[in-house]
């Protein structure tokens, strides 16, 4: 089982590497863009926290993503003093081009499973994600 999990993680890593290469960005920038795409607009300090970067590093990431046209800084809707970072429509378009076929094929694969099996998979993957997140924190703290 562990070999299949490690193999799946390596395969996801290879897809993400190819996507970042196609987008012309590095993996750190890609990780931050993924956070924005999944979770929506947020402050730069929140993006730094969620991506495991320092606020100084996130400034450089955002500068690169803005130059590439994949992210932008914008005023917060209700508090004009605050700035939020958001993914651009170009980022969404390119993500659809790159990941859309994978998502379509993956959806077809999931249709083979019962609702009960899918719930088990969802629970397992959620617990596996939480385990990896906790371990990453531990590794950073001990470094």
C-alpha atoms as a PDB file:
ATOM      1  CA  UNK A   1       0.000   0.000   0.000  1.00  0.00           C
ATOM      2  CA  UNK A   2       2.756   2.439   0.917  1.00  0.00           C
ATOM      3  CA  UNK A   3       4.437   1.815  -2.437  1.00  0.00           C
ATOM      4  CA  UNK A   4       1.230   2.727  -4.279  1.00  0.00           C
ATOM      5  CA  UNK A   5       0.877   5.905  -2.210  1.00  0.00           C
ATOM      6  CA  UNK A   6       4.469   6.911  -2.870  1.00  0.00           C
ATOM      7  CA  UNK A   7       4.038   6.124  -6.539  1.00  0.00           C
ATOM      8  CA  UNK A   8       0.867   8.224  -6.693  1.00  0.00           C
ATOM      9  CA  UNK A   9       2.638  11.120  -4.981  1.00  0.00           C
ATOM     10  CA  UNK A  10       5.508  10.875  -7.456  1.00  0.00           C
ATOM     11  CA  UNK A  11       3.076  10.851 -10.377  1.00  0.00           C
ATOM     12  CA  UNK A  12       1.289  13.963  -9.049  1.00  0.00           C
ATOM     13  CA  UNK A  13       4.675  15.591  -8.575  1.00  0.00           C
ATOM     14  CA  UNK A  14       5.594  14.808 -12.209  1.00  0.00           C
ATOM     15  CA  UNK A  15       2.323  16.322 -13.460  1.00  0.00           C
ATOM     16  CA  UNK A  16       2.865  19.456 -11.369  1.00  0.00           C
ATOM     17  CA  UNK A  17       6.448  19.752 -12.613  1.00  0.00           C
ATOM     18  CA  UNK A  18       5.274  19.520 -16.236  1.00  0.00           C
ATOM     19  CA  UNK A  19       2.497  22.060 -15.594  1.00  0.00           C
ATOM     20  CA  UNK A  20       4.887  24.566 -14.022  1.00  0.00           C
ATOM     21  CA  UNK A  21       7.256  24.108 -16.924  1.00  0.00           C
ATOM     22  CA  UNK A  22       4.394  24.738 -19.387  1.00  0.00           C
ATOM     23  CA  UNK A  23       3.383  27.842 -17.422  1.00  0.00           C
ATOM     24  CA  UNK A  24       6.950  29.128 -17.317  1.00  0.00           C
ATOM     25  CA  UNK A  25       7.044  29.293 -13.504  1.00  0.00           C
ATOM     26  CA  UNK A  26       8.958  27.476 -10.794  1.00  0.00           C
ATOM     27  CA  UNK A  27       7.459  24.933  -8.390  1.00  0.00           C
ATOM     28  CA  UNK A  28       7.205  27.351  -5.466  1.00  0.00           C
ATOM     29  CA  UNK A  29       5.268  29.801  -7.622  1.00  0.00           C
ATOM     30  CA  UNK A  30       3.102  26.914  -8.812  1.00  0.00           C
ATOM     31  CA  UNK A  31       2.364  25.862  -5.237  1.00  0.00           C
ATOM     32  CA  UNK A  32       1.257  29.391  -4.365  1.00  0.00           C
ATOM     33  CA  UNK A  33      -0.870  29.626  -7.498  1.00  0.00           C
ATOM     34  CA  UNK A  34      -2.512  26.337  -6.546  1.00  0.00           C
ATOM     35  CA  UNK A  35      -3.377  27.689  -3.086  1.00  0.00           C
ATOM     36  CA  UNK A  36      -4.979  30.767  -4.664  1.00  0.00           C
ATOM     37  CA  UNK A  37      -6.902  28.669  -7.183  1.00  0.00           C
ATOM     38  CA  UNK A  38      -8.233  26.294  -4.512  1.00  0.00           C
ATOM     39  CA  UNK A  39      -8.909  28.749  -1.687  1.00  0.00           C
ATOM     40  CA  UNK A  40      -9.570  32.044  -3.436  1.00  0.00           C
ATOM     41  CA  UNK A  41      -8.269  35.546  -2.777  1.00  0.00           C
ATOM     42  CA  UNK A  42      -6.334  36.148   0.430  1.00  0.00           C
ATOM     43  CA  UNK A  43      -3.779  38.448   1.953  1.00  0.00           C
ATOM     44  CA  UNK A  44      -0.126  37.933   1.132  1.00  0.00           C
ATOM     45  CA  UNK A  45       0.697  36.963   4.729  1.00  0.00           C
ATOM     46  CA  UNK A  46      -2.046  34.315   4.660  1.00  0.00           C
ATOM     47  CA  UNK A  47      -0.712  32.972   1.364  1.00  0.00           C
ATOM     48  CA  UNK A  48       2.754  32.828   2.905  1.00  0.00           C
ATOM     49  CA  UNK A  49       1.401  30.865   5.869  1.00  0.00           C
ATOM     50  CA  UNK A  50      -0.596  28.435   3.738  1.00  0.00           C
ATOM     51  CA  UNK A  51       2.294  27.816   1.383  1.00  0.00           C
ATOM     52  CA  UNK A  52       4.942  27.503   4.102  1.00  0.00           C
ATOM     53  CA  UNK A  53       6.919  30.528   2.921  1.00  0.00           C
ATOM     54  CA  UNK A  54       8.174  33.639   4.661  1.00  0.00           C
ATOM     55  CA  UNK A  55       6.511  36.968   3.935  1.00  0.00           C
ATOM     56  CA  UNK A  56       9.729  38.106   2.229  1.00  0.00           C
ATOM     57  CA  UNK A  57       9.693  35.078  -0.046  1.00  0.00           C
ATOM     58  CA  UNK A  58       5.999  35.526  -0.872  1.00  0.00           C
ATOM     59  CA  UNK A  59       6.697  39.059  -2.096  1.00  0.00           C
ATOM     60  CA  UNK A  60       9.131  37.678  -4.676  1.00  0.00           C
ATOM     61  CA  UNK A  61       6.682  34.921  -5.648  1.00  0.00           C
ATOM     62  CA  UNK A  62       3.896  37.455  -6.178  1.00  0.00           C
ATOM     63  CA  UNK A  63       6.154  39.707  -8.233  1.00  0.00           C
ATOM     64  CA  UNK A  64       6.945  36.772 -10.540  1.00  0.00           C
ATOM     65  CA  UNK A  65       3.321  35.593 -10.769  1.00  0.00           C
ATOM     66  CA  UNK A  66       2.160  39.122 -11.579  1.00  0.00           C
ATOM     67  CA  UNK A  67       4.794  39.495 -14.309  1.00  0.00           C
ATOM     68  CA  UNK A  68       3.622  36.178 -15.789  1.00  0.00           C
ATOM     69  CA  UNK A  69      -0.013  37.361 -15.670  1.00  0.00           C
ATOM     70  CA  UNK A  70      -1.188  34.608 -13.295  1.00  0.00           C
ATOM     71  CA  UNK A  71      -1.859  36.617 -10.127  1.00  0.00           C
ATOM     72  CA  UNK A  72      -2.669  40.170  -9.147  1.00  0.00           C
ATOM     73  CA  UNK A  73      -2.820  42.254  -6.040  1.00  0.00           C
ATOM     74  CA  UNK A  74      -6.160  44.016  -5.544  1.00  0.00           C
ATOM     75  CA  UNK A  75      -7.850  46.120  -2.889  1.00  0.00           C
ATOM     76  CA  UNK A  76     -10.025  44.222  -0.426  1.00  0.00           C
ATOM     77  CA  UNK A  77     -13.732  44.681  -1.222  1.00  0.00           C
ATOM     78  CA  UNK A  78     -14.816  45.898   2.211  1.00  0.00           C
ATOM     79  CA  UNK A  79     -11.551  47.274   3.644  1.00  0.00           C
ATOM     80  CA  UNK A  80      -9.858  49.401   0.981  1.00  0.00           C
ATOM     81  CA  UNK A  81      -6.687  49.639   3.108  1.00  0.00           C
ATOM     82  CA  UNK A  82      -6.086  45.902   2.752  1.00  0.00           C
ATOM     83  CA  UNK A  83      -4.638  44.206  -0.299  1.00  0.00           C
ATOM     84  CA  UNK A  84      -5.581  40.718  -1.365  1.00  0.00           C
ATOM     85  CA  UNK A  85      -3.904  38.443  -3.871  1.00  0.00           C
ATOM     86  CA  UNK A  86      -5.975  36.585  -6.434  1.00  0.00           C
ATOM     87  CA  UNK A  87      -5.407  34.288  -9.374  1.00  0.00           C
ATOM     88  CA  UNK A  88      -6.216  35.848 -12.738  1.00  0.00           C
ATOM     89  CA  UNK A  89      -8.569  34.546 -15.427  1.00  0.00           C
ATOM     90  CA  UNK A  90      -5.462  33.672 -17.452  1.00  0.00           C
ATOM     91  CA  UNK A  91      -4.312  31.397 -14.617  1.00  0.00           C
ATOM     92  CA  UNK A  92      -7.713  29.684 -14.571  1.00  0.00           C
ATOM     93  CA  UNK A  93      -7.674  29.281 -18.351  1.00  0.00           C
ATOM     94  CA  UNK A  94      -4.183  27.782 -18.391  1.00  0.00           C
ATOM     95  CA  UNK A  95      -5.019  25.477 -15.477  1.00  0.00           C
ATOM     96  CA  UNK A  96      -8.064  24.214 -17.376  1.00  0.00           C
ATOM     97  CA  UNK A  97      -5.938  23.607 -20.472  1.00  0.00           C
ATOM     98  CA  UNK A  98      -3.305  21.707 -18.497  1.00  0.00           C
ATOM     99  CA  UNK A  99      -5.316  19.895 -15.841  1.00  0.00           C
ATOM    100  CA  UNK A 100      -8.750  19.649 -17.502  1.00  0.00           C
ATOM    101  CA  UNK A 101      -8.037  16.416 -19.406  1.00  0.00           C
ATOM    102  CA  UNK A 102      -6.667  14.838 -16.232  1.00  0.00           C
ATOM    103  CA  UNK A 103      -9.749  15.909 -14.262  1.00  0.00           C
ATOM    104  CA  UNK A 104     -12.074  14.533 -16.951  1.00  0.00           C
ATOM    105  CA  UNK A 105     -10.300  11.183 -17.063  1.00  0.00           C
ATOM    106  CA  UNK A 106     -10.128  11.033 -13.264  1.00  0.00           C
ATOM    107  CA  UNK A 107     -13.865  11.691 -13.008  1.00  0.00           C
ATOM    108  CA  UNK A 108     -14.528   8.788 -15.373  1.00  0.00           C
ATOM    109  CA  UNK A 109     -12.322   6.555 -13.223  1.00  0.00           C
ATOM    110  CA  UNK A 110     -14.216   7.534 -10.053  1.00  0.00           C
ATOM    111  CA  UNK A 111     -17.534   6.588 -11.662  1.00  0.00           C
ATOM    112  CA  UNK A 112     -16.448   2.951 -11.361  1.00  0.00           C
ATOM    113  CA  UNK A 113     -16.752   3.093  -7.569  1.00  0.00           C
ATOM    114  CA  UNK A 114     -19.770   2.894  -5.283  1.00  0.00           C
ATOM    115  CA  UNK A 115     -20.761   5.831  -3.095  1.00  0.00           C
ATOM    116  CA  UNK A 116     -19.508   3.900  -0.059  1.00  0.00           C
ATOM    117  CA  UNK A 117     -16.140   3.221  -1.656  1.00  0.00           C
ATOM    118  CA  UNK A 118     -15.820   6.867  -2.690  1.00  0.00           C
ATOM    119  CA  UNK A 119     -16.562   7.995   0.859  1.00  0.00           C
ATOM    120  CA  UNK A 120     -13.842   5.660   2.144  1.00  0.00           C
ATOM    121  CA  UNK A 121     -11.389   7.022  -0.423  1.00  0.00           C
ATOM    122  CA  UNK A 122     -12.310  10.626   0.434  1.00  0.00           C
ATOM    123  CA  UNK A 123     -11.820   9.965   4.142  1.00  0.00           C
ATOM    124  CA  UNK A 124      -8.515   8.192   3.567  1.00  0.00           C
ATOM    125  CA  UNK A 125      -7.148  10.908   1.291  1.00  0.00           C
ATOM    126  CA  UNK A 126      -8.219  13.621   3.734  1.00  0.00           C
ATOM    127  CA  UNK A 127      -6.492  11.859   6.608  1.00  0.00           C
ATOM    128  CA  UNK A 128      -3.398  11.264   4.468  1.00  0.00           C
ATOM    129  CA  UNK A 129      -3.300  14.972   3.532  1.00  0.00           C
ATOM    130  CA  UNK A 130      -3.596  15.992   7.200  1.00  0.00           C
ATOM    131  CA  UNK A 131      -0.835  13.549   8.153  1.00  0.00           C
ATOM    132  CA  UNK A 132       1.486  14.985   5.515  1.00  0.00           C
ATOM    133  CA  UNK A 133       0.672  18.567   6.546  1.00  0.00           C
ATOM    134  CA  UNK A 134       1.471  17.790  10.193  1.00  0.00           C
ATOM    135  CA  UNK A 135       4.690  16.052   9.232  1.00  0.00           C
ATOM    136  CA  UNK A 136       5.785  18.991   7.058  1.00  0.00           C
ATOM    137  CA  UNK A 137       5.292  21.307  10.030  1.00  0.00           C
ATOM    138  CA  UNK A 138       7.322  19.007  12.266  1.00  0.00           C
ATOM    139  CA  UNK A 139      10.120  18.825   9.707  1.00  0.00           C
ATOM    140  CA  UNK A 140      10.224  22.623   9.322  1.00  0.00           C
ATOM    141  CA  UNK A 141      10.234  23.143  13.071  1.00  0.00           C
ATOM    142  CA  UNK A 142      13.095  20.709  13.613  1.00  0.00           C
ATOM    143  CA  UNK A 143      15.231  22.133  10.794  1.00  0.00           C
END
